């Protein structure tokens, strides 16, 4: 089964709801129907902008998909400041990022938390984008495969083939996130290929359906090399996704 590539914009803690409205409108103006036929386009605004972006997408009949950057694993309760999976689903959110390195490093999310969030997202009919990646120290120690393979197994362990085939996995080397450094295309492809083979070894043909993205300072200047790699099915885009012109360029370059 052919995999449709995905360009996902992670806006992180940027853009008020008014700025978010302008950003998604501008992105919509810059994309043609043929762009959406080739590539799924996703934006992940902050929680405070989700409703505003949802309204624009629906009112303007945009084919842009809506995602969230984080979620709590419980359906409700005394969790001050948290957002439940059901709340996101009711806002038309279709994808949720789980296990982003910034959540792991800055907020202490371990593999158990990531696995719980992934299952909570699935429980509300949304698609998790599960992130894995190594630090610069781990890469220099040549343990990249052990690290990302372990993170993948911890997140997906116990799921069935059909479920895994519908997931999105994002390889995002920590040393390349927000640093301006990018894994070269061969390095990124090797890691993405390794992750796909890990899926294949445990879930068989699901590996042909699971989309594997690269994340780490993706921009129009380096996208050509990345998109040429068979095992890279798109990008999890950070800073470049805040500029509608750059985001649109990434979508159009990805063929």
Protein backbone atom coordinates (compact mmCIF):
# COMPACT_ATOMS: atom_id res chain seq x y z
CA UNK A 1 0.00 0.00 0.00
CA UNK A 2 1.39 3.40 -1.00
CA UNK A 3 2.04 5.79 1.86
CA UNK A 4 0.93 9.39 1.44
CA UNK A 5 3.60 11.78 2.65
CA UNK A 6 2.87 14.15 5.52
CA UNK A 7 4.24 17.63 6.20
CA UNK A 8 3.43 18.49 9.82
CA UNK A 9 4.05 21.94 11.26
CA UNK A 10 4.77 22.05 14.99
CA UNK A 11 4.28 25.68 16.03
CA UNK A 12 5.46 25.00 19.59
CA UNK A 13 4.83 27.90 22.02
CA UNK A 14 4.37 30.48 19.30
CA UNK A 15 1.44 32.48 17.88
CA UNK A 16 -1.52 34.00 19.67
CA UNK A 17 -4.92 32.87 18.43
CA UNK A 18 -5.12 36.00 16.24
CA UNK A 19 -1.72 35.31 14.71
CA UNK A 20 -2.68 31.67 14.22
CA UNK A 21 -5.76 32.68 12.24
CA UNK A 22 -3.61 34.74 9.88
CA UNK A 23 -1.00 31.99 9.55
CA UNK A 24 -3.42 29.25 8.57
CA UNK A 25 -5.30 31.56 6.20
CA UNK A 26 -2.07 32.55 4.47
CA UNK A 27 -1.00 28.92 4.21
CA UNK A 28 -4.36 27.99 2.72
CA UNK A 29 -4.03 30.74 0.10
CA UNK A 30 -0.62 29.47 -0.96
CA UNK A 31 -1.61 25.85 -1.53
CA UNK A 32 -3.43 24.40 -4.54
CA UNK A 33 -5.75 21.36 -4.63
CA UNK A 34 -2.98 19.36 -6.29
CA UNK A 35 -0.73 19.98 -3.29
CA UNK A 36 -3.18 18.26 -0.95
CA UNK A 37 -3.58 15.39 -3.42
CA UNK A 38 0.15 14.65 -3.11
CA UNK A 39 0.82 15.45 0.53
CA UNK A 40 -1.17 15.60 3.76
CA UNK A 41 -0.69 19.03 5.35
CA UNK A 42 -0.95 19.37 9.12
CA UNK A 43 -0.57 22.28 11.53
CA UNK A 44 -0.19 21.86 15.30
CA UNK A 45 -0.88 25.21 17.03
CA UNK A 46 -0.76 25.83 20.79
CA UNK A 47 -3.82 24.80 22.78
CA UNK A 48 -5.06 28.40 22.95
CA UNK A 49 -5.25 28.59 19.16
CA UNK A 50 -6.85 25.24 18.35
CA UNK A 51 -10.45 26.46 18.30
CA UNK A 52 -9.58 29.51 16.20
CA UNK A 53 -7.66 27.45 13.65
CA UNK A 54 -10.41 24.83 13.55
CA UNK A 55 -12.95 27.53 12.76
CA UNK A 56 -10.87 28.90 9.88
CA UNK A 57 -10.25 25.45 8.42
CA UNK A 58 -13.94 24.62 8.48
CA UNK A 59 -15.22 28.03 7.34
CA UNK A 60 -12.78 28.29 4.43
CA UNK A 61 -13.08 24.59 3.49
CA UNK A 62 -9.33 24.15 3.80
CA UNK A 63 -7.89 20.68 3.44
CA UNK A 64 -5.32 21.42 6.13
CA UNK A 65 -5.46 18.95 9.01
CA UNK A 66 -5.44 20.05 12.64
CA UNK A 67 -3.10 18.61 15.24
CA UNK A 68 -2.17 19.16 18.88
CA UNK A 69 1.28 19.30 20.43
CA UNK A 70 0.52 17.45 23.65
CA UNK A 71 -2.23 15.74 25.66
CA UNK A 72 -2.85 14.18 29.05
CA UNK A 73 -3.42 10.44 29.24
CA UNK A 74 -6.50 10.60 31.47
CA UNK A 75 -9.99 11.36 30.20
CA UNK A 76 -10.66 13.89 32.95
CA UNK A 77 -10.12 14.67 36.60
CA UNK A 78 -8.09 16.83 38.96
CA UNK A 79 -5.20 17.59 36.61
CA UNK A 80 -4.88 21.36 36.74
CA UNK A 81 -3.63 22.87 33.50
CA UNK A 82 -3.94 19.68 31.46
CA UNK A 83 -6.02 18.89 28.36
CA UNK A 84 -7.72 15.54 27.81
CA UNK A 85 -7.85 13.51 24.59
CA UNK A 86 -11.62 13.93 24.41
CA UNK A 87 -11.31 17.70 24.54
CA UNK A 88 -9.00 17.60 21.54
CA UNK A 89 -11.17 15.21 19.58
CA UNK A 90 -14.19 17.51 20.00
CA UNK A 91 -12.13 20.31 18.44
CA UNK A 92 -11.60 18.33 15.26
CA UNK A 93 -8.01 17.43 16.10
CA UNK A 94 -6.90 14.44 14.04
CA UNK A 95 -3.21 14.12 15.05
CA UNK A 96 -1.44 14.52 18.39
CA UNK A 97 2.33 14.71 18.91
CA UNK A 98 3.49 12.45 21.73
CA UNK A 99 6.98 11.99 23.10
CA UNK A 100 8.53 15.08 21.56
CA UNK A 101 12.08 15.48 22.82
CA UNK A 102 11.22 18.81 24.43
CA UNK A 103 8.52 17.08 26.45
CA UNK A 104 10.93 14.31 27.40
CA UNK A 105 13.83 16.60 28.28
CA UNK A 106 12.16 19.71 29.70
CA UNK A 107 9.13 18.14 31.37
CA UNK A 108 10.45 14.75 32.42
CA UNK A 109 8.18 12.58 30.29
CA UNK A 110 9.51 9.03 30.30
CA UNK A 111 8.69 6.08 28.06
CA UNK A 112 5.77 5.03 30.28
CA UNK A 113 4.15 8.47 29.99
CA UNK A 114 4.65 8.49 26.23
CA UNK A 115 3.05 5.04 25.91
CA UNK A 116 0.08 6.11 28.06
CA UNK A 117 -0.48 9.22 25.98
CA UNK A 118 -0.25 7.28 22.73
CA UNK A 119 -2.97 4.88 23.86
CA UNK A 120 -5.15 7.72 25.10
CA UNK A 121 -4.91 9.40 21.70
CA UNK A 122 -5.84 6.17 19.95
CA UNK A 123 -8.78 5.75 22.31
CA UNK A 124 -10.34 8.95 20.97
CA UNK A 125 -9.85 7.99 17.34
CA UNK A 126 -6.94 10.35 16.70
CA UNK A 127 -3.54 9.49 15.23
CA UNK A 128 -0.43 9.77 17.40
CA UNK A 129 2.80 11.13 15.98
CA UNK A 130 5.23 9.35 18.26
CA UNK A 131 8.66 10.97 18.41
CA UNK A 132 11.97 9.24 19.01
CA UNK A 133 15.50 10.57 18.91
CA UNK A 134 18.96 10.54 20.40
CA UNK A 135 21.17 13.20 21.96
CA UNK A 136 24.47 14.28 20.45
CA UNK A 137 26.31 12.37 23.18
CA UNK A 138 24.41 9.18 22.34
CA UNK A 139 25.15 9.59 18.64
CA UNK A 140 28.83 10.08 19.35
CA UNK A 141 28.75 6.94 21.49
CA UNK A 142 27.25 5.12 18.48
CA UNK A 143 24.15 3.96 20.37
CA UNK A 144 21.57 5.73 18.18
CA UNK A 145 19.84 2.53 17.12
CA UNK A 146 19.62 1.19 20.65
CA UNK A 147 18.13 4.47 21.87
CA UNK A 148 15.53 5.02 19.17
CA UNK A 149 14.69 1.34 18.93
CA UNK A 150 14.10 1.21 22.66
CA UNK A 151 11.90 4.29 22.58
CA UNK A 152 9.89 2.85 19.70
CA UNK A 153 9.38 -0.49 21.43
CA UNK A 154 8.36 1.17 24.68
CA UNK A 155 5.75 3.27 22.89
CA UNK A 156 4.31 0.63 20.56
CA UNK A 157 4.74 -2.56 22.55
CA UNK A 158 1.53 -4.56 22.81
CA UNK A 159 -0.28 -2.87 19.92
CA UNK A 160 -1.61 -4.96 17.07
CA UNK A 161 -0.53 -4.80 13.42
CA UNK A 162 -3.56 -2.86 12.22
CA UNK A 163 -3.04 -0.16 14.84
CA UNK A 164 0.68 0.21 14.22
CA UNK A 165 0.08 0.49 10.49
CA UNK A 166 -1.98 3.63 11.08
CA UNK A 167 0.57 5.41 13.26
CA UNK A 168 3.07 8.11 12.41
CA UNK A 169 6.61 7.83 13.78
CA UNK A 170 8.92 10.85 13.75
CA UNK A 171 12.67 10.52 14.00
CA UNK A 172 13.93 13.77 15.47
CA UNK A 173 17.56 13.74 16.55
CA UNK A 174 17.70 15.97 19.61
CA UNK A 175 20.96 17.54 18.48
CA UNK A 176 19.22 18.87 15.34
CA UNK A 177 16.10 20.39 16.90
CA UNK A 178 16.08 24.15 16.96
CA UNK A 179 19.84 24.25 16.52
CA UNK A 180 20.04 24.94 12.80
CA UNK A 181 21.90 21.65 12.44
CA UNK A 182 20.28 18.98 10.31
CA UNK A 183 21.10 15.34 9.92
CA UNK A 184 22.23 14.92 6.33
CA UNK A 185 19.84 13.03 4.11
CA UNK A 186 21.75 9.75 4.37
CA UNK A 187 21.90 9.93 8.18
CA UNK A 188 18.20 10.73 8.44
CA UNK A 189 17.28 8.01 5.96
CA UNK A 190 19.37 5.42 7.80
CA UNK A 191 17.58 6.13 11.08
CA UNK A 192 14.13 6.19 9.46
CA UNK A 193 14.92 2.97 7.63
CA UNK A 194 16.03 1.36 10.87
CA UNK A 195 12.77 2.35 12.56
CA UNK A 196 10.76 0.90 9.68
CA UNK A 197 12.65 -2.37 9.91
CA UNK A 198 11.98 -2.49 13.64
CA UNK A 199 8.28 -2.17 12.87
CA UNK A 200 8.58 -4.87 10.22
CA UNK A 201 10.36 -7.26 12.55
CA UNK A 202 7.47 -7.17 15.04
CA UNK A 203 4.41 -6.08 13.07
CA UNK A 204 5.15 -7.37 9.58
CA UNK A 205 3.34 -5.61 6.76
CA UNK A 206 2.38 -2.74 9.05
CA UNK A 207 5.80 -1.34 8.18
CA UNK A 208 4.58 -0.66 4.64
CA UNK A 209 1.78 1.56 5.99
CA UNK A 210 3.41 3.28 8.97
CA UNK A 211 4.58 6.74 8.00
CA UNK A 212 8.04 7.69 9.25
CA UNK A 213 8.87 11.41 9.29
CA UNK A 214 12.13 13.25 9.81
CA UNK A 215 12.17 16.19 12.20
CA UNK A 216 15.11 18.47 12.92
CA UNK A 217 15.48 21.93 11.36
CA UNK A 218 13.67 20.91 8.17
CA UNK A 219 13.46 23.86 5.77
CA UNK A 220 13.20 24.54 2.02
CA UNK A 221 16.99 24.56 1.78
CA UNK A 222 17.46 20.93 2.83
CA UNK A 223 14.17 19.34 1.84
CA UNK A 224 15.29 18.14 -1.59
CA UNK A 225 17.76 15.62 -0.20
CA UNK A 226 15.35 14.36 2.43
CA UNK A 227 12.41 13.84 0.10
CA UNK A 228 14.51 11.71 -2.22
CA UNK A 229 14.86 9.03 0.44
CA UNK A 230 12.34 6.21 0.17
CA UNK A 231 12.04 5.61 3.91
CA UNK A 232 11.29 9.25 4.77
CA UNK A 233 7.58 9.95 4.39
CA UNK A 234 7.59 13.64 5.20
CA UNK A 235 8.73 16.07 7.83
CA UNK A 236 7.90 17.25 11.33
CA UNK A 237 8.72 20.91 10.82
CA UNK A 238 9.48 23.39 13.58
CA UNK A 239 10.61 26.96 12.93
CA UNK A 240 9.97 26.89 9.18
CA UNK A 241 6.29 26.05 9.77
CA UNK A 242 5.75 29.46 11.40
CA UNK A 243 6.27 31.12 8.02
CA UNK A 244 3.40 30.26 5.63
CA UNK A 245 5.66 30.85 2.63
CA UNK A 246 8.25 28.38 3.88
CA UNK A 247 5.63 25.85 4.92
CA UNK A 248 3.96 26.05 1.51
CA UNK A 249 7.34 25.69 -0.17
CA UNK A 250 8.03 22.52 1.80
CA UNK A 251 4.70 21.05 0.73
CA UNK A 252 5.32 21.93 -2.91
CA UNK A 253 8.91 20.69 -2.94
CA UNK A 254 7.91 17.36 -1.43
CA UNK A 255 7.11 15.20 -4.44
